[in-house]
Amino acid sequence: MIRNIILIACVIIVPLLFWYAKQYGDIQSITFQKALSSSEESADTEQATKVKIDATIIIDESHPLDIPSGIIYAKDSENTIFKIEYTGKDPLPTFTQAFPVSIFGHVHNGEPPYVHASQIIGH
């Protein structure tokens, strides 16, 4: 009897755990401005929330690509151009103008505001 109860509980609980992990485990992509406003609302003592921003790389005279120092510029879906400071361990892909990427990191206020990225994945 107890064996049947345990088996039924596993059949019900395991799929629920997978569903919950799928729903709430992924970082949803947001825009730079949305990430910036949410970081401004959080208290100074709180750790910055990790965000995912889908964007395209910008390379021009005003926004030079500086891979050795980790300085990159990108444009999000709202056409906001923002600075990225990459400090991840993985080597970066070869970037070209309008190269699509997903940027994972924390947004910091400053002059100018920027994303401190720990991971950049090319598409």
PDB file of N, CA and C in Angstrom:
ATOM      1  N   MET A   1       0.813  -1.195   0.000  1.00  0.00           N
ATOM      2  CA  MET A   1       0.000   0.000   0.000  1.00  0.00           C
ATOM      3  C   MET A   1       0.863   1.269   0.000  1.00  0.00           C
ATOM      4  N   ILE A   2       1.852   1.307   0.897  1.00  0.00           N
ATOM      5  CA  ILE A   2       2.735   2.473   0.952  1.00  0.00           C
ATOM      6  C   ILE A   2       3.517   2.588  -0.354  1.00  0.00           C
ATOM      7  N   ARG A   3       3.883   1.469  -0.906  1.00  0.00           N
ATOM      8  CA  ARG A   3       4.619   1.470  -2.185  1.00  0.00           C
ATOM      9  C   ARG A   3       3.780   2.100  -3.289  1.00  0.00           C
ATOM     10  N   ASN A   4       2.498   1.801  -3.335  1.00  0.00           N
ATOM     11  CA  ASN A   4       1.612   2.399  -4.336  1.00  0.00           C
ATOM     12  C   ASN A   4       1.457   3.902  -4.130  1.00  0.00           C
ATOM     13  N   ILE A   5       1.366   4.324  -2.882  1.00  0.00           N
ATOM     14  CA  ILE A   5       1.247   5.760  -2.592  1.00  0.00           C
ATOM     15  C   ILE A   5       2.507   6.491  -3.027  1.00  0.00           C
ATOM     16  N   ILE A   6       3.670   5.919  -2.743  1.00  0.00           N
ATOM     17  CA  ILE A   6       4.940   6.537  -3.149  1.00  0.00           C
ATOM     18  C   ILE A   6       5.036   6.600  -4.665  1.00  0.00           C
ATOM     19  N   LEU A   7       4.640   5.543  -5.349  1.00  0.00           N
ATOM     20  CA  LEU A   7       4.683   5.510  -6.810  1.00  0.00           C
ATOM     21  C   LEU A   7       3.747   6.560  -7.411  1.00  0.00           C
ATOM     22  N   ILE A   8       2.546   6.662  -6.887  1.00  0.00           N
ATOM     23  CA  ILE A   8       1.589   7.657  -7.385  1.00  0.00           C
ATOM     24  C   ILE A   8       2.096   9.071  -7.098  1.00  0.00           C
ATOM     25  N   ALA A   9       2.651   9.289  -5.929  1.00  0.00           N
ATOM     26  CA  ALA A   9       3.194  10.607  -5.591  1.00  0.00           C
ATOM     27  C   ALA A   9       4.326  10.989  -6.538  1.00  0.00           C
ATOM     28  N   CYS A  10       5.190  10.033  -6.861  1.00  0.00           N
ATOM     29  CA  CYS A  10       6.294  10.312  -7.795  1.00  0.00           C
ATOM     30  C   CYS A  10       5.770  10.632  -9.186  1.00  0.00           C
ATOM     31  N   VAL A  11       4.762   9.906  -9.627  1.00  0.00           N
ATOM     32  CA  VAL A  11       4.186  10.136 -10.959  1.00  0.00           C
ATOM     33  C   VAL A  11       3.564  11.526 -11.037  1.00  0.00           C
ATOM     34  N   ILE A  12       3.032  12.023  -9.952  1.00  0.00           N
ATOM     35  CA  ILE A  12       2.410  13.350  -9.944  1.00  0.00           C
ATOM     36  C   ILE A  12       3.440  14.445  -9.683  1.00  0.00           C
ATOM     37  N   ILE A  13       4.330  14.243  -8.734  1.00  0.00           N
ATOM     38  CA  ILE A  13       5.256  15.299  -8.304  1.00  0.00           C
ATOM     39  C   ILE A  13       6.368  15.554  -9.317  1.00  0.00           C
ATOM     40  N   VAL A  14       6.946  14.511  -9.909  1.00  0.00           N
ATOM     41  CA  VAL A  14       8.062  14.702 -10.841  1.00  0.00           C
ATOM     42  C   VAL A  14       7.671  15.576 -12.035  1.00  0.00           C
ATOM     43  N   PRO A  15       6.540  15.321 -12.721  1.00  0.00           N
ATOM     44  CA  PRO A  15       6.161  16.226 -13.816  1.00  0.00           C
ATOM     45  C   PRO A  15       5.903  17.656 -13.344  1.00  0.00           C
ATOM     46  N   LEU A  16       5.330  17.802 -12.149  1.00  0.00           N
ATOM     47  CA  LEU A  16       5.111  19.152 -11.610  1.00  0.00           C
ATOM     48  C   LEU A  16       6.435  19.880 -11.372  1.00  0.00           C
ATOM     49  N   LEU A  17       7.427  19.186 -10.894  1.00  0.00           N
ATOM     50  CA  LEU A  17       8.745  19.794 -10.687  1.00  0.00           C
ATOM     51  C   LEU A  17       9.367  20.229 -12.014  1.00  0.00           C
ATOM     52  N   PHE A  18       9.250  19.377 -13.036  1.00  0.00           N
ATOM     53  CA  PHE A  18       9.770  19.756 -14.351  1.00  0.00           C
ATOM     54  C   PHE A  18       9.035  20.966 -14.908  1.00  0.00           C
ATOM     55  N   TRP A  19       7.717  20.996 -14.769  1.00  0.00           N
ATOM     56  CA  TRP A  19       6.927  22.136 -15.249  1.00  0.00           C
ATOM     57  C   TRP A  19       7.352  23.416 -14.529  1.00  0.00           C
ATOM     58  N   TYR A  20       7.489  23.343 -13.212  1.00  0.00           N
ATOM     59  CA  TYR A  20       7.888  24.510 -12.432  1.00  0.00           C
ATOM     60  C   TYR A  20       9.267  25.007 -12.848  1.00  0.00           C
ATOM     61  N   ALA A  21      10.204  24.094 -13.030  1.00  0.00           N
ATOM     62  CA  ALA A  21      11.553  24.474 -13.451  1.00  0.00           C
ATOM     63  C   ALA A  21      11.535  25.118 -14.829  1.00  0.00           C
ATOM     64  N   LYS A  22      10.729  24.605 -15.720  1.00  0.00           N
ATOM     65  CA  LYS A  22      10.630  25.175 -17.075  1.00  0.00           C
ATOM     66  C   LYS A  22      10.016  26.566 -17.039  1.00  0.00           C
ATOM     67  N   GLN A  23       8.987  26.761 -16.219  1.00  0.00           N
ATOM     68  CA  GLN A  23       8.298  28.051 -16.149  1.00  0.00           C
ATOM     69  C   GLN A  23       9.140  29.137 -15.491  1.00  0.00           C
ATOM     70  N   TYR A  24       9.828  28.788 -14.416  1.00  0.00           N
ATOM     71  CA  TYR A  24      10.486  29.807 -13.609  1.00  0.00           C
ATOM     72  C   TYR A  24      12.008  29.706 -13.589  1.00  0.00           C
ATOM     73  N   GLY A  25      12.567  28.737 -14.290  1.00  0.00           N
ATOM     74  CA  GLY A  25      14.010  28.558 -14.286  1.00  0.00           C
ATOM     75  C   GLY A  25      14.728  29.377 -15.336  1.00  0.00           C
ATOM     76  N   ASP A  26      14.060  29.697 -16.438  1.00  0.00           N
ATOM     77  CA  ASP A  26      14.676  30.446 -17.526  1.00  0.00           C
ATOM     78  C   ASP A  26      14.659  31.941 -17.215  1.00  0.00           C
ATOM     79  N   ILE A  27      15.710  32.621 -17.610  1.00  0.00           N
ATOM     80  CA  ILE A  27      15.748  34.074 -17.505  1.00  0.00           C
ATOM     81  C   ILE A  27      15.053  34.626 -18.740  1.00  0.00           C
ATOM     82  N   GLN A  28      14.038  35.437 -18.539  1.00  0.00           N
ATOM     83  CA  GLN A  28      13.311  36.035 -19.652  1.00  0.00           C
ATOM     84  C   GLN A  28      14.102  37.221 -20.199  1.00  0.00           C
ATOM     85  N   SER A  29      14.068  37.383 -21.499  1.00  0.00           N
ATOM     86  CA  SER A  29      14.772  38.484 -22.144  1.00  0.00           C
ATOM     87  C   SER A  29      14.004  39.782 -21.933  1.00  0.00           C
ATOM     88  N   ILE A  30      14.731  40.845 -21.556  1.00  0.00           N
ATOM     89  CA  ILE A  30      14.124  42.160 -21.386  1.00  0.00           C
ATOM     90  C   ILE A  30      14.965  43.190 -22.133  1.00  0.00           C
ATOM     91  N   THR A  31      14.482  44.407 -22.180  1.00  0.00           N
ATOM     92  CA  THR A  31      15.229  45.475 -22.834  1.00  0.00           C
ATOM     93  C   THR A  31      16.184  46.120 -21.833  1.00  0.00           C
ATOM     94  N   PHE A  32      17.128  46.887 -22.360  1.00  0.00           N
ATOM     95  CA  PHE A  32      18.104  47.561 -21.507  1.00  0.00           C
ATOM     96  C   PHE A  32      17.414  48.558 -20.578  1.00  0.00           C
ATOM     97  N   GLN A  33      16.477  49.349 -21.093  1.00  0.00           N
ATOM     98  CA  GLN A  33      15.791  50.348 -20.263  1.00  0.00           C
ATOM     99  C   GLN A  33      14.986  49.693 -19.140  1.00  0.00           C
ATOM    100  N   LYS A  34      14.336  48.570 -19.435  1.00  0.00           N
ATOM    101  CA  LYS A  34      13.574  47.852 -18.411  1.00  0.00           C
ATOM    102  C   LYS A  34      14.525  47.330 -17.328  1.00  0.00           C
ATOM    103  N   ALA A  35      15.664  46.790 -17.744  1.00  0.00           N
ATOM    104  CA  ALA A  35      16.652  46.300 -16.779  1.00  0.00           C
ATOM    105  C   ALA A  35      17.216  47.453 -15.951  1.00  0.00           C
ATOM    106  N   LEU A  36      17.447  48.588 -16.577  1.00  0.00           N
ATOM    107  CA  LEU A  36      17.978  49.759 -15.876  1.00  0.00           C
ATOM    108  C   LEU A  36      16.973  50.275 -14.853  1.00  0.00           C
ATOM    109  N   SER A  37      15.710  50.359 -15.229  1.00  0.00           N
ATOM    110  CA  SER A  37      14.708  50.851 -14.279  1.00  0.00           C
ATOM    111  C   SER A  37      14.513  49.881 -13.118  1.00  0.00           C
ATOM    112  N   SER A  38      14.590  48.578 -13.366  1.00  0.00           N
ATOM    113  CA  SER A  38      14.445  47.626 -12.256  1.00  0.00           C
ATOM    114  C   SER A  38      15.659  47.671 -11.335  1.00  0.00           C
ATOM    115  N   SER A  39      16.848  47.966 -11.878  1.00  0.00           N
ATOM    116  CA  SER A  39      18.024  48.073 -11.009  1.00  0.00           C
ATOM    117  C   SER A  39      17.978  49.354 -10.178  1.00  0.00           C
ATOM    118  N   GLU A  40      17.359  50.404 -10.697  1.00  0.00           N
ATOM    119  CA  GLU A  40      17.216  51.652  -9.939  1.00  0.00           C
ATOM    120  C   GLU A  40      16.232  51.482  -8.787  1.00  0.00           C
ATOM    121  N   GLU A  41      15.227  50.596  -8.973  1.00  0.00           N
ATOM    122  CA  GLU A  41      14.216  50.382  -7.946  1.00  0.00           C
ATOM    123  C   GLU A  41      14.724  49.515  -6.797  1.00  0.00           C
ATOM    124  N   SER A  42      15.744  48.699  -7.045  1.00  0.00           N
ATOM    125  CA  SER A  42      16.233  47.815  -5.988  1.00  0.00           C
ATOM    126  C   SER A  42      17.092  48.606  -5.003  1.00  0.00           C
ATOM    127  N   ALA A  43      17.130  48.117  -3.780  1.00  0.00           N
ATOM    128  CA  ALA A  43      17.917  48.781  -2.726  1.00  0.00           C
ATOM    129  C   ALA A  43      19.408  48.595  -2.998  1.00  0.00           C
ATOM    130  N   ASP A  44      20.209  49.499  -2.478  1.00  0.00           N
ATOM    131  CA  ASP A  44      21.654  49.435  -2.671  1.00  0.00           C
ATOM    132  C   ASP A  44      22.265  48.185  -2.041  1.00  0.00           C
ATOM    133  N   THR A  45      21.647  47.675  -1.000  1.00  0.00           N
ATOM    134  CA  THR A  45      22.193  46.502  -0.317  1.00  0.00           C
ATOM    135  C   THR A  45      21.840  45.200  -1.027  1.00  0.00           C
ATOM    136  N   GLU A  46      20.854  45.230  -1.936  1.00  0.00           N
ATOM    137  CA  GLU A  46      20.463  44.031  -2.668  1.00  0.00           C
ATOM    138  C   GLU A  46      21.454  43.747  -3.780  1.00  0.00           C
ATOM    139  N   GLN A  47      21.630  42.461  -4.066  1.00  0.00           N
ATOM    140  CA  GLN A  47      22.471  42.084  -5.199  1.00  0.00           C
ATOM    141  C   GLN A  47      21.704  42.379  -6.482  1.00  0.00           C
ATOM    142  N   ALA A  48      22.402  42.888  -7.482  1.00  0.00           N
ATOM    143  CA  ALA A  48      21.755  43.203  -8.752  1.00  0.00           C
ATOM    144  C   ALA A  48      21.192  41.936  -9.376  1.00  0.00           C
ATOM    145  N   THR A  49      20.021  42.052  -9.976  1.00  0.00           N
ATOM    146  CA  THR A  49      19.357  40.918 -10.600  1.00  0.00           C
ATOM    147  C   THR A  49      20.008  40.618 -11.940  1.00  0.00           C
ATOM    148  N   LYS A  50      20.262  39.338 -12.191  1.00  0.00           N
ATOM    149  CA  LYS A  50      20.833  38.935 -13.467  1.00  0.00           C
ATOM    150  C   LYS A  50      19.751  39.024 -14.533  1.00  0.00           C
ATOM    151  N   VAL A  51      20.103  39.608 -15.664  1.00  0.00           N
ATOM    152  CA  VAL A  51      19.152  39.788 -16.756  1.00  0.00           C
ATOM    153  C   VAL A  51      19.705  39.182 -18.045  1.00  0.00           C
ATOM    154  N   LYS A  52      18.812  38.974 -18.980  1.00  0.00           N
ATOM    155  CA  LYS A  52      19.175  38.546 -20.338  1.00  0.00           C
ATOM    156  C   LYS A  52      18.636  39.594 -21.283  1.00  0.00           C
ATOM    157  N   ILE A  53      19.519  40.130 -22.106  1.00  0.00           N
ATOM    158  CA  ILE A  53      19.121  41.121 -23.101  1.00  0.00           C
ATOM    159  C   ILE A  53      19.506  40.580 -24.472  1.00  0.00           C
ATOM    160  N   ASP A  54      18.517  40.422 -25.351  1.00  0.00           N
ATOM    161  CA  ASP A  54      18.785  40.050 -26.730  1.00  0.00           C
ATOM    162  C   ASP A  54      19.062  41.330 -27.504  1.00  0.00           C
ATOM    163  N   ALA A  55      20.169  41.363 -28.223  1.00  0.00           N
ATOM    164  CA  ALA A  55      20.589  42.588 -28.887  1.00  0.00           C
ATOM    165  C   ALA A  55      21.427  42.260 -30.119  1.00  0.00           C
ATOM    166  N   THR A  56      21.852  43.306 -30.810  1.00  0.00           N
ATOM    167  CA  THR A  56      22.787  43.168 -31.930  1.00  0.00           C
ATOM    168  C   THR A  56      23.992  44.053 -31.655  1.00  0.00           C
ATOM    169  N   ILE A  57      25.143  43.598 -32.083  1.00  0.00           N
ATOM    170  CA  ILE A  57      26.399  44.325 -31.855  1.00  0.00           C
ATOM    171  C   ILE A  57      26.448  45.566 -32.742  1.00  0.00           C
ATOM    172  N   ILE A  58      26.946  46.656 -32.171  1.00  0.00           N
ATOM    173  CA  ILE A  58      27.141  47.912 -32.900  1.00  0.00           C
ATOM    174  C   ILE A  58      28.642  48.172 -32.992  1.00  0.00           C
ATOM    175  N   ILE A  59      29.120  48.416 -34.217  1.00  0.00           N
ATOM    176  CA  ILE A  59      30.526  48.764 -34.428  1.00  0.00           C
ATOM    177  C   ILE A  59      30.563  49.969 -35.361  1.00  0.00           C
ATOM    178  N   ASP A  60      30.992  51.115 -34.843  1.00  0.00           N
ATOM    179  CA  ASP A  60      31.200  52.306 -35.667  1.00  0.00           C
ATOM    180  C   ASP A  60      32.191  53.216 -34.939  1.00  0.00           C
ATOM    181  N   GLU A  61      32.404  54.417 -35.475  1.00  0.00           N
ATOM    182  CA  GLU A  61      33.385  55.333 -34.874  1.00  0.00           C
ATOM    183  C   GLU A  61      32.998  55.737 -33.452  1.00  0.00           C
ATOM    184  N   SER A  62      31.718  55.929 -33.202  1.00  0.00           N
ATOM    185  CA  SER A  62      31.261  56.333 -31.874  1.00  0.00           C
ATOM    186  C   SER A  62      31.213  55.171 -30.893  1.00  0.00           C
ATOM    187  N   HIS A  63      31.178  53.948 -31.426  1.00  0.00           N
ATOM    188  CA  HIS A  63      31.056  52.750 -30.596  1.00  0.00           C
ATOM    189  C   HIS A  63      32.072  51.708 -31.043  1.00  0.00           C
ATOM    190  N   PRO A  64      33.355  51.942 -30.732  1.00  0.00           N
ATOM    191  CA  PRO A  64      34.397  51.009 -31.184  1.00  0.00           C
ATOM    192  C   PRO A  64      34.351  49.681 -30.436  1.00  0.00           C
ATOM    193  N   LEU A  65      34.736  48.636 -31.111  1.00  0.00           N
ATOM    194  CA  LEU A  65      34.823  47.309 -30.524  1.00  0.00           C
ATOM    195  C   LEU A  65      36.205  47.164 -29.901  1.00  0.00           C
ATOM    196  N   ASP A  66      36.276  46.892 -28.596  1.00  0.00           N
ATOM    197  CA  ASP A  66      37.547  46.758 -27.889  1.00  0.00           C
ATOM    198  C   ASP A  66      37.544  45.430 -27.124  1.00  0.00           C
ATOM    199  N   ILE A  67      37.780  44.350 -27.852  1.00  0.00           N
ATOM    200  CA  ILE A  67      37.722  42.996 -27.276  1.00  0.00           C
ATOM    201  C   ILE A  67      38.747  42.802 -26.152  1.00  0.00           C
ATOM    202  N   PRO A  68      40.007  43.258 -26.295  1.00  0.00           N
ATOM    203  CA  PRO A  68      40.967  43.020 -25.200  1.00  0.00           C
ATOM    204  C   PRO A  68      40.523  43.590 -23.850  1.00  0.00           C
ATOM    205  N   SER A  69      39.886  44.748 -23.851  1.00  0.00           N
ATOM    206  CA  SER A  69      39.428  45.322 -22.582  1.00  0.00           C
ATOM    207  C   SER A  69      37.992  44.916 -22.253  1.00  0.00           C
ATOM    208  N   GLY A  70      37.321  44.215 -23.173  1.00  0.00           N
ATOM    209  CA  GLY A  70      35.969  43.739 -22.925  1.00  0.00           C
ATOM    210  C   GLY A  70      34.882  44.777 -23.113  1.00  0.00           C
ATOM    211  N   ILE A  71      35.172  45.853 -23.823  1.00  0.00           N
ATOM    212  CA  ILE A  71      34.189  46.909 -24.051  1.00  0.00           C
ATOM    213  C   ILE A  71      33.523  46.682 -25.413  1.00  0.00           C
ATOM    214  N   ILE A  72      32.207  46.523 -25.374  1.00  0.00           N
ATOM    215  CA  ILE A  72      31.416  46.240 -26.567  1.00  0.00           C
ATOM    216  C   ILE A  72      30.160  47.101 -26.494  1.00  0.00           C
ATOM    217  N   TYR A  73      29.594  47.442 -27.628  1.00  0.00           N
ATOM    218  CA  TYR A  73      28.329  48.180 -27.665  1.00  0.00           C
ATOM    219  C   TYR A  73      27.301  47.347 -28.413  1.00  0.00           C
ATOM    220  N   ALA A  74      26.039  47.467 -27.963  1.00  0.00           N
ATOM    221  CA  ALA A  74      24.965  46.705 -28.591  1.00  0.00           C
ATOM    222  C   ALA A  74      23.694  47.541 -28.616  1.00  0.00           C
ATOM    223  N   LYS A  75      22.737  47.086 -29.439  1.00  0.00           N
ATOM    224  CA  LYS A  75      21.440  47.757 -29.569  1.00  0.00           C
ATOM    225  C   LYS A  75      20.351  46.727 -29.314  1.00  0.00           C
ATOM    226  N   ASP A  76      19.402  47.059 -28.427  1.00  0.00           N
ATOM    227  CA  ASP A  76      18.332  46.117 -28.089  1.00  0.00           C
ATOM    228  C   ASP A  76      17.132  46.282 -29.015  1.00  0.00           C
ATOM    229  N   SER A  77      16.030  45.598 -28.703  1.00  0.00           N
ATOM    230  CA  SER A  77      14.839  45.618 -29.558  1.00  0.00           C
ATOM    231  C   SER A  77      14.152  46.979 -29.588  1.00  0.00           C
ATOM    232  N   GLU A  78      14.419  47.852 -28.614  1.00  0.00           N
ATOM    233  CA  GLU A  78      13.867  49.213 -28.607  1.00  0.00           C
ATOM    234  C   GLU A  78      14.825  50.214 -29.243  1.00  0.00           C
ATOM    235  N   ASN A  79      15.876  49.714 -29.897  1.00  0.00           N
ATOM    236  CA  ASN A  79      16.908  50.527 -30.549  1.00  0.00           C
ATOM    237  C   ASN A  79      17.705  51.380 -29.567  1.00  0.00           C
ATOM    238  N   THR A  80      17.793  50.953 -28.320  1.00  0.00           N
ATOM    239  CA  THR A  80      18.628  51.623 -27.327  1.00  0.00           C
ATOM    240  C   THR A  80      20.037  51.055 -27.429  1.00  0.00           C
ATOM    241  N   ILE A  81      21.006  51.941 -27.646  1.00  0.00           N
ATOM    242  CA  ILE A  81      22.400  51.521 -27.713  1.00  0.00           C
ATOM    243  C   ILE A  81      22.980  51.606 -26.300  1.00  0.00           C
ATOM    244  N   PHE A  82      23.646  50.540 -25.866  1.00  0.00           N
ATOM    245  CA  PHE A  82      24.196  50.499 -24.523  1.00  0.00           C
ATOM    246  C   PHE A  82      25.573  49.863 -24.535  1.00  0.00           C
ATOM    247  N   LYS A  83      26.334  50.187 -23.486  1.00  0.00           N
ATOM    248  CA  LYS A  83      27.697  49.702 -23.329  1.00  0.00           C
ATOM    249  C   LYS A  83      27.694  48.391 -22.562  1.00  0.00           C
ATOM    250  N   ILE A  84      28.594  47.485 -22.946  1.00  0.00           N
ATOM    251  CA  ILE A  84      28.757  46.207 -22.265  1.00  0.00           C
ATOM    252  C   ILE A  84      30.205  46.115 -21.801  1.00  0.00           C
ATOM    253  N   GLU A  85      30.398  45.739 -20.545  1.00  0.00           N
ATOM    254  CA  GLU A  85      31.730  45.413 -20.030  1.00  0.00           C
ATOM    255  C   GLU A  85      31.735  43.919 -19.779  1.00  0.00           C
ATOM    256  N   TYR A  86      32.427  43.184 -20.641  1.00  0.00           N
ATOM    257  CA  TYR A  86      32.448  41.729 -20.559  1.00  0.00           C
ATOM    258  C   TYR A  86      33.605  41.260 -19.702  1.00  0.00           C
ATOM    259  N   THR A  87      33.295  40.449 -18.675  1.00  0.00           N
ATOM    260  CA  THR A  87      34.331  39.904 -17.799  1.00  0.00           C
ATOM    261  C   THR A  87      34.222  38.385 -17.685  1.00  0.00           C
ATOM    262  N   GLY A  88      33.527  37.769 -18.623  1.00  0.00           N
ATOM    263  CA  GLY A  88      33.361  36.321 -18.595  1.00  0.00           C
ATOM    264  C   GLY A  88      34.644  35.581 -18.936  1.00  0.00           C
ATOM    265  N   LYS A  89      34.632  34.287 -18.693  1.00  0.00           N
ATOM    266  CA  LYS A  89      35.805  33.452 -18.943  1.00  0.00           C
ATOM    267  C   LYS A  89      35.861  32.939 -20.373  1.00  0.00           C
ATOM    268  N   ASP A  90      34.689  32.730 -20.987  1.00  0.00           N
ATOM    269  CA  ASP A  90      34.642  32.155 -22.322  1.00  0.00           C
ATOM    270  C   ASP A  90      35.102  33.163 -23.369  1.00  0.00           C
ATOM    271  N   PRO A  91      35.821  32.688 -24.398  1.00  0.00           N
ATOM    272  CA  PRO A  91      36.221  33.611 -25.463  1.00  0.00           C
ATOM    273  C   PRO A  91      34.991  34.094 -26.229  1.00  0.00           C
ATOM    274  N   LEU A  92      35.061  35.316 -26.676  1.00  0.00           N
ATOM    275  CA  LEU A  92      33.944  35.905 -27.413  1.00  0.00           C
ATOM    276  C   LEU A  92      33.976  35.464 -28.874  1.00  0.00           C
ATOM    277  N   PRO A  93      32.817  35.370 -29.500  1.00  0.00           N
ATOM    278  CA  PRO A  93      32.808  35.066 -30.930  1.00  0.00           C
ATOM    279  C   PRO A  93      33.346  36.256 -31.727  1.00  0.00           C
ATOM    280  N   THR A  94      33.622  36.044 -32.990  1.00  0.00           N
ATOM    281  CA  THR A  94      34.059  37.137 -33.860  1.00  0.00           C
ATOM    282  C   THR A  94      32.840  37.993 -34.180  1.00  0.00           C
ATOM    283  N   PHE A  95      32.871  39.240 -33.735  1.00  0.00           N
ATOM    284  CA  PHE A  95      31.725  40.121 -33.915  1.00  0.00           C
ATOM    285  C   PHE A  95      31.825  40.883 -35.225  1.00  0.00           C
ATOM    286  N   THR A  96      30.685  41.065 -35.849  1.00  0.00           N
ATOM    287  CA  THR A  96      30.533  41.932 -37.013  1.00  0.00           C
ATOM    288  C   THR A  96      29.364  42.869 -36.722  1.00  0.00           C
ATOM    289  N   GLN A  97      29.196  43.874 -37.547  1.00  0.00           N
ATOM    290  CA  GLN A  97      28.083  44.810 -37.386  1.00  0.00           C
ATOM    291  C   GLN A  97      26.767  44.035 -37.424  1.00  0.00           C
ATOM    292  N   ALA A  98      25.865  44.317 -36.489  1.00  0.00           N
ATOM    293  CA  ALA A  98      24.526  43.731 -36.381  1.00  0.00           C
ATOM    294  C   ALA A  98      24.546  42.238 -36.062  1.00  0.00           C
ATOM    295  N   PHE A  99      25.638  41.740 -35.466  1.00  0.00           N
ATOM    296  CA  PHE A  99      25.737  40.340 -35.059  1.00  0.00           C
ATOM    297  C   PHE A  99      24.773  40.118 -33.896  1.00  0.00           C
ATOM    298  N   PRO A 100      23.813  39.178 -33.986  1.00  0.00           N
ATOM    299  CA  PRO A 100      22.842  38.972 -32.909  1.00  0.00           C
ATOM    300  C   PRO A 100      23.449  38.211 -31.727  1.00  0.00           C
ATOM    301  N   VAL A 101      23.192  38.698 -30.516  1.00  0.00           N
ATOM    302  CA  VAL A 101      23.734  38.087 -29.298  1.00  0.00           C
ATOM    303  C   VAL A 101      22.683  38.091 -28.191  1.00  0.00           C
ATOM    304  N   SER A 102      22.890  37.222 -27.217  1.00  0.00           N
ATOM    305  CA  SER A 102      22.168  37.265 -25.947  1.00  0.00           C
ATOM    306  C   SER A 102      23.197  37.594 -24.877  1.00  0.00           C
ATOM    307  N   ILE A 103      22.915  38.627 -24.097  1.00  0.00           N
ATOM    308  CA  ILE A 103      23.848  39.124 -23.090  1.00  0.00           C
ATOM    309  C   ILE A 103      23.279  38.790 -21.709  1.00  0.00           C
ATOM    310  N   PHE A 104      24.076  38.115 -20.894  1.00  0.00           N
ATOM    311  CA  PHE A 104      23.670  37.752 -19.539  1.00  0.00           C
ATOM    312  C   PHE A 104      24.547  38.516 -18.558  1.00  0.00           C
ATOM    313  N   GLY A 105      23.939  39.264 -17.661  1.00  0.00           N
ATOM    314  CA  GLY A 105      24.715  40.012 -16.693  1.00  0.00           C
ATOM    315  C   GLY A 105      23.859  40.909 -15.825  1.00  0.00           C
ATOM    316  N   HIS A 106      24.495  41.905 -15.228  1.00  0.00           N
ATOM    317  CA  HIS A 106      23.838  42.840 -14.318  1.00  0.00           C
ATOM    318  C   HIS A 106      23.943  44.239 -14.896  1.00  0.00           C
ATOM    319  N   VAL A 107      22.872  45.008 -14.786  1.00  0.00           N
ATOM    320  CA  VAL A 107      22.878  46.395 -15.258  1.00  0.00           C
ATOM    321  C   VAL A 107      23.300  47.293 -14.112  1.00  0.00           C
ATOM    322  N   HIS A 108      24.205  48.224 -14.416  1.00  0.00           N
ATOM    323  CA  HIS A 108      24.713  49.168 -13.409  1.00  0.00           C
ATOM    324  C   HIS A 108      24.421  50.588 -13.859  1.00  0.00           C
ATOM    325  N   ASN A 109      23.978  51.402 -12.902  1.00  0.00           N
ATOM    326  CA  ASN A 109      23.827  52.831 -13.179  1.00  0.00           C
ATOM    327  C   ASN A 109      25.215  53.434 -13.208  1.00  0.00           C
ATOM    328  N   GLY A 110      25.357  54.476 -13.914  1.00  0.00           N
ATOM    329  CA  GLY A 110      26.638  55.153 -14.011  1.00  0.00           C
ATOM    330  C   GLY A 110      26.571  56.140 -15.143  1.00  0.00           C
ATOM    331  N   GLU A 111      27.665  56.659 -15.513  1.00  0.00           N
ATOM    332  CA  GLU A 111      27.725  57.614 -16.624  1.00  0.00           C
ATOM    333  C   GLU A 111      28.665  57.088 -17.665  1.00  0.00           C
ATOM    334  N   PRO A 112      28.245  56.420 -18.678  1.00  0.00           N
ATOM    335  CA  PRO A 112      26.864  56.008 -18.958  1.00  0.00           C
ATOM    336  C   PRO A 112      26.522  54.714 -18.228  1.00  0.00           C
ATOM    337  N   PRO A 113      25.231  54.390 -18.132  1.00  0.00           N
ATOM    338  CA  PRO A 113      24.853  53.094 -17.570  1.00  0.00           C
ATOM    339  C   PRO A 113      25.376  51.983 -18.480  1.00  0.00           C
ATOM    340  N   TYR A 114      25.626  50.811 -17.921  1.00  0.00           N
ATOM    341  CA  TYR A 114      26.196  49.731 -18.716  1.00  0.00           C
ATOM    342  C   TYR A 114      25.768  48.376 -18.178  1.00  0.00           C
ATOM    343  N   VAL A 115      26.031  47.339 -18.955  1.00  0.00           N
ATOM    344  CA  VAL A 115      25.778  45.967 -18.534  1.00  0.00           C
ATOM    345  C   VAL A 115      27.113  45.334 -18.206  1.00  0.00           C
ATOM    346  N   HIS A 116      27.223  44.794 -16.991  1.00  0.00           N
ATOM    347  CA  HIS A 116      28.403  44.017 -16.616  1.00  0.00           C
ATOM    348  C   HIS A 116      28.082  42.573 -16.987  1.00  0.00           C
ATOM    349  N   ALA A 117      28.588  42.112 -18.116  1.00  0.00           N
ATOM    350  CA  ALA A 117      28.216  40.814 -18.672  1.00  0.00           C
ATOM    351  C   ALA A 117      29.172  39.717 -18.247  1.00  0.00           C
ATOM    352  N   SER A 118      28.597  38.599 -17.828  1.00  0.00           N
ATOM    353  CA  SER A 118      29.387  37.428 -17.496  1.00  0.00           C
ATOM    354  C   SER A 118      29.344  36.393 -18.616  1.00  0.00           C
ATOM    355  N   GLN A 119      28.384  36.576 -19.537  1.00  0.00           N
ATOM    356  CA  GLN A 119      28.266  35.637 -20.647  1.00  0.00           C
ATOM    357  C   GLN A 119      27.629  36.360 -21.837  1.00  0.00           C
ATOM    358  N   ILE A 120      28.193  36.135 -23.025  1.00  0.00           N
ATOM    359  CA  ILE A 120      27.629  36.645 -24.273  1.00  0.00           C
ATOM    360  C   ILE A 120      27.572  35.476 -25.242  1.00  0.00           C
ATOM    361  N   ILE A 121      26.377  35.180 -25.716  1.00  0.00           N
ATOM    362  CA  ILE A 121      26.191  34.051 -26.625  1.00  0.00           C
ATOM    363  C   ILE A 121      25.744  34.587 -27.975  1.00  0.00           C
ATOM    364  N   GLY A 122      26.477  34.225 -29.019  1.00  0.00           N
ATOM    365  CA  GLY A 122      26.113  34.613 -30.381  1.00  0.00           C
ATOM    366  C   GLY A 122      25.070  33.684 -30.954  1.00  0.00           C
ATOM    367  N   HIS A 123      24.235  34.218 -31.841  1.00  0.00           N
ATOM    368  CA  HIS A 123      23.179  33.399 -32.459  1.00  0.00           C
ATOM    369  C   HIS A 123      23.555  33.035 -33.862  1.00  0.00           C
TER     370      HIS A 123
END
